[in-house]
Amino acid sequence: MRCVIARYPFELTKDGVLASMKGVKPEAVTAESVTIGRRRYPVKQVGEVITRQDRRDFSGGEVIRAMTRLGFTCHPHPDAEAAAAPAPTPLQTASELLGGPGTTDA
């Protein structure tokens, strides 16, 4: 598959990405990530390995689009999932700690 990352065209295949990432130890995931084989890698690390470019030269979105088109599973930022759920109100938190339902009918 042909894709453009950091204004440079690349011809990527799923097998080629698997071969490139073989033996690469995953860094700690602090942003978007992609599952390659049985491991979960930060997208910037994957982009750096497959393009041999500096991480500052491309965005995570470019790598996510390419990896998704190749059939890899991409994951959002870990804090994005936590931010999606609304934080409980102080009343709900206190009620939960006391064993109550945490809601009131107003």
C-alpha atoms as a PDB file:
ATOM      1  CA  MET A   1       0.000   0.000   0.000  1.00  0.00           C
ATOM      2  CA  ARG A   2       1.310   3.415  -0.889  1.00  0.00           C
ATOM      3  CA  CYS A   3       1.041   6.106   1.786  1.00  0.00           C
ATOM      4  CA  VAL A   4       2.595   9.478   2.522  1.00  0.00           C
ATOM      5  CA  ILE A   5       4.212  10.113   5.894  1.00  0.00           C
ATOM      6  CA  ALA A   6       6.055  13.382   6.534  1.00  0.00           C
ATOM      7  CA  ARG A   7       5.639  14.376   2.867  1.00  0.00           C
ATOM      8  CA  TYR A   8       7.532  11.258   1.683  1.00  0.00           C
ATOM      9  CA  PRO A   9       5.854   8.362  -0.136  1.00  0.00           C
ATOM     10  CA  PHE A  10       6.256   4.882   1.320  1.00  0.00           C
ATOM     11  CA  GLU A  11       5.218   1.504  -0.010  1.00  0.00           C
ATOM     12  CA  LEU A  12       4.136  -0.397   3.092  1.00  0.00           C
ATOM     13  CA  THR A  13       2.842  -3.921   3.528  1.00  0.00           C
ATOM     14  CA  LYS A  14       1.534  -5.648   6.624  1.00  0.00           C
ATOM     15  CA  ASP A  15       4.292  -8.272   6.410  1.00  0.00           C
ATOM     16  CA  GLY A  16       6.903  -5.547   5.964  1.00  0.00           C
ATOM     17  CA  VAL A  17       5.731  -3.713   9.086  1.00  0.00           C
ATOM     18  CA  LEU A  18       5.704  -6.980  11.067  1.00  0.00           C
ATOM     19  CA  ALA A  19       9.247  -7.731   9.898  1.00  0.00           C
ATOM     20  CA  SER A  20      10.454  -4.199  10.725  1.00  0.00           C
ATOM     21  CA  MET A  21       9.014  -4.328  14.248  1.00  0.00           C
ATOM     22  CA  LYS A  22      10.262  -7.852  14.965  1.00  0.00           C
ATOM     23  CA  GLY A  23      12.711  -7.720  17.856  1.00  0.00           C
ATOM     24  CA  VAL A  24      11.904  -4.079  18.710  1.00  0.00           C
ATOM     25  CA  LYS A  25      11.105  -3.617  22.385  1.00  0.00           C
ATOM     26  CA  PRO A  26       7.980  -1.474  22.902  1.00  0.00           C
ATOM     27  CA  GLU A  27       8.393   1.791  24.767  1.00  0.00           C
ATOM     28  CA  ALA A  28       5.927   2.858  27.454  1.00  0.00           C
ATOM     29  CA  VAL A  29       2.585   3.852  25.918  1.00  0.00           C
ATOM     30  CA  THR A  30       1.773   7.457  26.821  1.00  0.00           C
ATOM     31  CA  ALA A  31      -0.142   8.496  23.698  1.00  0.00           C
ATOM     32  CA  GLU A  32      -1.885   6.759  20.798  1.00  0.00           C
ATOM     33  CA  SER A  33      -0.708   3.213  20.212  1.00  0.00           C
ATOM     34  CA  VAL A  34      -0.942   0.381  17.701  1.00  0.00           C
ATOM     35  CA  THR A  35      -0.978  -3.371  18.264  1.00  0.00           C
ATOM     36  CA  ILE A  36       1.520  -5.175  16.067  1.00  0.00           C
ATOM     37  CA  GLY A  37       1.664  -8.900  16.608  1.00  0.00           C
ATOM     38  CA  ARG A  38       1.193  -9.414  20.339  1.00  0.00           C
ATOM     39  CA  ARG A  39       2.760  -6.127  21.385  1.00  0.00           C
ATOM     40  CA  ARG A  40       1.398  -2.614  21.757  1.00  0.00           C
ATOM     41  CA  TYR A  41       3.705   0.137  20.484  1.00  0.00           C
ATOM     42  CA  PRO A  42       3.419   3.940  20.610  1.00  0.00           C
ATOM     43  CA  VAL A  43       2.588   5.164  17.095  1.00  0.00           C
ATOM     44  CA  LYS A  44       5.589   7.510  17.051  1.00  0.00           C
ATOM     45  CA  GLN A  45       7.933   4.570  17.729  1.00  0.00           C
ATOM     46  CA  VAL A  46       6.356   2.572  14.899  1.00  0.00           C
ATOM     47  CA  GLY A  47       6.607   5.536  12.538  1.00  0.00           C
ATOM     48  CA  GLU A  48      10.255   6.049  13.394  1.00  0.00           C
ATOM     49  CA  VAL A  49      11.117   2.391  12.778  1.00  0.00           C
ATOM     50  CA  ILE A  50       9.225   1.939   9.513  1.00  0.00           C
ATOM     51  CA  THR A  51      10.180   5.299   7.954  1.00  0.00           C
ATOM     52  CA  ARG A  52      13.645   5.728   9.506  1.00  0.00           C
ATOM     53  CA  GLN A  53      12.777   9.379  10.109  1.00  0.00           C
ATOM     54  CA  ASP A  54      12.887  11.495  13.233  1.00  0.00           C
ATOM     55  CA  ARG A  55       9.676  11.413  15.289  1.00  0.00           C
ATOM     56  CA  ARG A  56       9.343  15.178  15.024  1.00  0.00           C
ATOM     57  CA  ASP A  57       8.990  14.938  11.235  1.00  0.00           C
ATOM     58  CA  PHE A  58       5.567  13.261  11.213  1.00  0.00           C
ATOM     59  CA  SER A  59       2.361  13.234  13.203  1.00  0.00           C
ATOM     60  CA  GLY A  60       0.833  10.320  15.021  1.00  0.00           C
ATOM     61  CA  GLY A  61      -2.257  10.712  12.862  1.00  0.00           C
ATOM     62  CA  GLU A  62      -0.296   9.938   9.705  1.00  0.00           C
ATOM     63  CA  VAL A  63       0.976   6.687  11.194  1.00  0.00           C
ATOM     64  CA  ILE A  64      -2.450   5.772  12.604  1.00  0.00           C
ATOM     65  CA  ARG A  65      -4.061   6.220   9.164  1.00  0.00           C
ATOM     66  CA  ALA A  66      -1.404   4.033   7.528  1.00  0.00           C
ATOM     67  CA  MET A  67      -1.562   1.311  10.194  1.00  0.00           C
ATOM     68  CA  THR A  68      -5.373   1.256  10.109  1.00  0.00           C
ATOM     69  CA  ARG A  69      -5.369   0.876   6.319  1.00  0.00           C
ATOM     70  CA  LEU A  70      -2.942  -2.040   6.688  1.00  0.00           C
ATOM     71  CA  GLY A  71      -5.290  -3.736   9.133  1.00  0.00           C
ATOM     72  CA  PHE A  72      -3.563  -3.121  12.459  1.00  0.00           C
ATOM     73  CA  THR A  73      -5.567  -2.214  15.560  1.00  0.00           C
ATOM     74  CA  CYS A  74      -4.968   1.346  16.748  1.00  0.00           C
ATOM     75  CA  HIS A  75      -5.815   2.594  20.235  1.00  0.00           C
ATOM     76  CA  PRO A  76      -6.608   6.153  21.387  1.00  0.00           C
ATOM     77  CA  HIS A  77      -4.651   8.101  23.968  1.00  0.00           C
ATOM     78  CA  PRO A  78      -5.002   6.311  27.353  1.00  0.00           C
ATOM     79  CA  ASP A  79      -6.367   9.459  29.024  1.00  0.00           C
ATOM     80  CA  ALA A  80      -8.939   9.968  26.261  1.00  0.00           C
ATOM     81  CA  GLU A  81     -10.961   6.995  27.523  1.00  0.00           C
ATOM     82  CA  ALA A  82     -10.904   8.302  31.091  1.00  0.00           C
ATOM     83  CA  ALA A  83     -11.845  11.811  29.955  1.00  0.00           C
ATOM     84  CA  ALA A  84     -14.847  10.493  28.050  1.00  0.00           C
ATOM     85  CA  ALA A  85     -16.554   9.349  31.246  1.00  0.00           C
ATOM     86  CA  PRO A  86     -17.988  12.228  33.305  1.00  0.00           C
ATOM     87  CA  ALA A  87     -16.443  12.673  36.718  1.00  0.00           C
ATOM     88  CA  PRO A  88     -18.776  11.944  39.618  1.00  0.00           C
ATOM     89  CA  THR A  89     -20.062  14.917  41.583  1.00  0.00           C
ATOM     90  CA  PRO A  90     -18.979  15.303  45.203  1.00  0.00           C
ATOM     91  CA  LEU A  91     -22.484  14.228  46.274  1.00  0.00           C
ATOM     92  CA  GLN A  92     -22.251  11.048  44.191  1.00  0.00           C
ATOM     93  CA  THR A  93     -18.789  10.273  45.563  1.00  0.00           C
ATOM     94  CA  ALA A  94     -19.871  10.770  49.180  1.00  0.00           C
ATOM     95  CA  SER A  95     -23.036   8.752  48.664  1.00  0.00           C
ATOM     96  CA  GLU A  96     -21.071   5.928  47.071  1.00  0.00           C
ATOM     97  CA  LEU A  97     -18.636   5.893  50.008  1.00  0.00           C
ATOM     98  CA  LEU A  98     -21.576   5.664  52.420  1.00  0.00           C
ATOM     99  CA  GLY A  99     -23.240   2.923  50.414  1.00  0.00           C
ATOM    100  CA  GLY A 100     -26.120   4.966  49.014  1.00  0.00           C
ATOM    101  CA  PRO A 101     -27.452   5.210  45.471  1.00  0.00           C
ATOM    102  CA  GLY A 102     -25.587   8.479  44.747  1.00  0.00           C
ATOM    103  CA  THR A 103     -28.457  10.263  43.019  1.00  0.00           C
ATOM    104  CA  THR A 104     -31.251  12.492  44.208  1.00  0.00           C
ATOM    105  CA  ASP A 105     -34.663  13.161  42.723  1.00  0.00           C
ATOM    106  CA  ALA A 106     -34.884  16.918  42.347  1.00  0.00           C
END
